[in-house]
N, C-alpha and C. Protein backbone atom coordinates (compact mmCIF):
# COMPACT_ATOMS: atom_id res chain seq x y z
N UNK A 1 105.35 90.54 93.02
CA UNK A 1 103.95 90.35 92.71
C UNK A 1 103.36 91.70 92.30
N UNK A 2 102.71 91.75 91.16
CA UNK A 2 102.08 92.97 90.67
C UNK A 2 100.72 93.16 91.32
N UNK A 3 100.45 94.39 91.75
CA UNK A 3 99.16 94.72 92.37
C UNK A 3 98.62 96.00 91.74
N UNK A 4 97.34 96.27 91.96
CA UNK A 4 96.73 97.50 91.48
C UNK A 4 96.45 98.40 92.67
N UNK A 5 96.84 99.65 92.55
CA UNK A 5 96.61 100.67 93.58
C UNK A 5 95.58 101.65 93.03
N UNK A 6 94.64 102.06 93.87
CA UNK A 6 93.68 103.08 93.48
C UNK A 6 93.90 104.30 94.36
N UNK A 7 94.30 105.40 93.74
CA UNK A 7 94.43 106.68 94.43
C UNK A 7 93.12 107.43 94.24
N UNK A 8 92.70 108.17 95.26
CA UNK A 8 91.52 109.03 95.16
C UNK A 8 91.97 110.44 95.50
N UNK A 9 91.80 111.36 94.55
CA UNK A 9 92.25 112.73 94.79
C UNK A 9 91.23 113.49 95.64
N UNK A 10 91.54 114.70 96.10
CA UNK A 10 90.63 115.45 96.97
C UNK A 10 89.26 115.73 96.35
N UNK A 11 89.17 115.63 95.03
CA UNK A 11 87.90 115.88 94.35
C UNK A 11 87.12 114.59 94.11
N UNK A 12 87.65 113.46 94.55
CA UNK A 12 86.99 112.17 94.38
C UNK A 12 87.34 111.42 93.12
N UNK A 13 88.23 111.99 92.30
CA UNK A 13 88.66 111.31 91.07
C UNK A 13 89.54 110.12 91.43
N UNK A 14 89.22 108.97 90.86
CA UNK A 14 89.96 107.73 91.12
C UNK A 14 90.98 107.50 90.01
N UNK A 15 92.20 107.17 90.40
CA UNK A 15 93.27 106.87 89.45
C UNK A 15 93.84 105.51 89.83
N UNK A 16 93.69 104.53 88.94
CA UNK A 16 94.24 103.20 89.18
C UNK A 16 95.57 103.06 88.47
N UNK A 17 96.51 102.40 89.12
CA UNK A 17 97.82 102.16 88.52
C UNK A 17 98.39 100.85 89.06
N UNK A 18 99.21 100.22 88.27
CA UNK A 18 99.84 98.97 88.69
C UNK A 18 101.21 99.25 89.29
N UNK A 19 101.59 98.43 90.25
CA UNK A 19 102.92 98.53 90.84
C UNK A 19 103.28 97.17 91.41
N UNK A 20 104.45 97.08 91.98
CA UNK A 20 104.89 95.84 92.62
C UNK A 20 104.69 95.96 94.13
N UNK A 21 104.37 94.87 94.78
CA UNK A 21 104.25 94.85 96.23
C UNK A 21 105.55 95.38 96.83
N UNK A 22 105.45 96.31 97.76
CA UNK A 22 106.64 96.90 98.39
C UNK A 22 107.11 98.19 97.76
N UNK A 23 106.52 98.58 96.62
CA UNK A 23 106.91 99.84 95.98
C UNK A 23 106.54 101.03 96.88
N UNK A 24 107.24 102.11 96.70
CA UNK A 24 107.03 103.35 97.44
C UNK A 24 105.79 104.06 96.89
N UNK A 25 104.76 104.30 97.73
CA UNK A 25 103.52 104.91 97.26
C UNK A 25 103.72 106.32 96.73
N UNK A 26 104.64 107.07 97.28
CA UNK A 26 104.92 108.41 96.77
C UNK A 26 105.37 108.33 95.32
N UNK A 27 106.32 107.47 95.05
CA UNK A 27 106.84 107.34 93.68
C UNK A 27 105.81 106.72 92.73
N UNK A 28 105.00 105.80 93.22
CA UNK A 28 103.95 105.20 92.38
C UNK A 28 102.94 106.27 91.98
N UNK A 29 102.53 107.10 92.93
CA UNK A 29 101.59 108.18 92.62
C UNK A 29 102.17 109.19 91.64
N UNK A 30 103.41 109.56 91.85
CA UNK A 30 104.06 110.50 90.94
C UNK A 30 104.17 109.91 89.54
N UNK A 31 104.52 108.63 89.43
CA UNK A 31 104.63 107.97 88.13
C UNK A 31 103.28 107.89 87.42
N UNK A 32 102.20 107.89 88.20
CA UNK A 32 100.85 107.85 87.62
C UNK A 32 100.36 109.24 87.22
N UNK A 33 101.22 110.25 87.41
CA UNK A 33 100.87 111.60 87.01
C UNK A 33 100.17 112.42 88.07
N UNK A 34 100.14 111.92 89.29
CA UNK A 34 99.50 112.66 90.38
C UNK A 34 100.48 113.67 90.98
N UNK A 35 99.98 114.84 91.36
CA UNK A 35 100.86 115.88 91.92
C UNK A 35 101.14 115.63 93.40
N UNK A 36 101.77 114.51 93.71
CA UNK A 36 102.05 114.13 95.10
C UNK A 36 103.42 114.67 95.48
N UNK A 37 103.45 115.48 96.54
CA UNK A 37 104.70 116.04 97.03
C UNK A 37 105.17 115.25 98.23
N UNK A 38 106.45 115.04 98.35
CA UNK A 38 106.98 114.31 99.50
C UNK A 38 108.32 114.87 99.92
N UNK A 39 108.32 115.75 100.89
CA UNK A 39 109.54 116.37 101.37
C UNK A 39 110.54 115.33 101.88
N UNK A 40 110.02 114.26 102.47
CA UNK A 40 110.90 113.22 103.04
C UNK A 40 111.29 112.16 102.02
N UNK A 41 110.90 112.35 100.76
CA UNK A 41 111.22 111.39 99.69
C UNK A 41 110.59 110.02 99.91
N UNK A 42 109.41 109.99 100.55
CA UNK A 42 108.70 108.73 100.71
C UNK A 42 109.12 107.89 101.89
N UNK A 43 109.76 108.48 102.89
CA UNK A 43 110.22 107.73 104.06
C UNK A 43 109.20 107.72 105.20
N UNK A 44 107.99 108.21 104.94
CA UNK A 44 106.89 108.28 105.93
C UNK A 44 107.29 109.08 107.17
N UNK A 45 107.96 110.22 106.95
CA UNK A 45 108.45 111.01 108.07
C UNK A 45 107.90 112.43 108.11
N UNK A 46 107.14 112.88 107.07
CA UNK A 46 106.77 114.29 107.06
C UNK A 46 105.29 114.57 106.83
N UNK A 47 104.56 113.71 106.20
CA UNK A 47 103.12 113.83 105.88
C UNK A 47 102.78 114.90 104.85
N UNK A 48 103.75 115.38 104.07
CA UNK A 48 103.41 116.36 103.03
C UNK A 48 102.70 115.72 101.84
N UNK A 49 102.78 114.40 101.69
CA UNK A 49 102.12 113.75 100.55
C UNK A 49 100.62 113.60 100.76
N UNK A 50 100.18 113.62 102.01
CA UNK A 50 98.76 113.48 102.36
C UNK A 50 98.18 112.16 101.87
N UNK A 51 98.99 111.11 101.78
CA UNK A 51 98.50 109.78 101.43
C UNK A 51 97.92 109.16 102.69
N UNK A 52 96.68 108.71 102.60
CA UNK A 52 96.01 108.07 103.73
C UNK A 52 95.69 106.64 103.32
N UNK A 53 96.14 105.69 104.11
CA UNK A 53 95.88 104.27 103.85
C UNK A 53 94.81 103.81 104.84
N UNK A 54 93.74 103.22 104.32
CA UNK A 54 92.66 102.73 105.18
C UNK A 54 93.20 101.67 106.15
N UNK A 55 92.73 101.70 107.38
CA UNK A 55 93.24 100.83 108.44
C UNK A 55 93.17 99.35 108.08
N UNK A 56 92.16 98.94 107.32
CA UNK A 56 92.03 97.52 106.98
C UNK A 56 93.15 97.02 106.07
N UNK A 57 93.97 97.92 105.54
CA UNK A 57 95.09 97.53 104.67
C UNK A 57 96.42 97.48 105.42
N UNK A 58 96.47 97.89 106.68
CA UNK A 58 97.72 97.97 107.42
C UNK A 58 98.47 96.64 107.49
N UNK A 59 97.80 95.53 107.66
CA UNK A 59 98.45 94.24 107.83
C UNK A 59 98.68 93.50 106.52
N UNK A 60 98.38 94.11 105.41
CA UNK A 60 98.53 93.43 104.11
C UNK A 60 99.86 93.75 103.49
């Protein structure tokens, strides 16, 4: 299922991009041209990407 993700950078700039449900957010952000770094390669183990997901999205 295709979904739209909205990234917000530290300056408040919004970047929308399409991806598939279950895709890796690190790789989706990088593919959208965002300078997202991930030492753990997107395994949610290091926090270098600084991606924050709002709590209301946790169960979706």
